[in-house]
């Protein structure tokens, strides 16, 4: 690739990338800059920005999973996902530090949990390793 070609390169949007590649393959091909914290903050509302950015620096392997998680959440919850946010959690008594993707829905608690179970069955349990699952989880909060 020549310098002129590199300068003309425009990052592909996640939506366009999703049209080209199935969601399960998308995270593996995203350019580095599309998994950085600024890009992730365009997908998720960051509830505690500084802590999330620090955590992502420490756990770089989580970034692509977060992009794929957002795609899968939107696929399963559709328009019922009113907001998807990331929240950093630290519990020294439980020796836990991690991130939660919180899906705020306009559904009943039962319907929200049914879709969360579907997310687990169709994506999370197969695609997220135990290592990542030790510090990343998805939860729902009906409005």
Foldseek 3Di string as FASTA:
>chain_A
DDPVVVVPDDADDLVVLCVVDPLLCSLVPHDPVCLQPVNLCVLAPEPDSVLVNVVCVVVVVCSSVSSSLSVLCCVQCPVQQVHWHKYWDDDVVVRATAIETEGEGQDDPVVQVVSQVVSCVPPVVPPPDVVNVRHYYYYYDYD
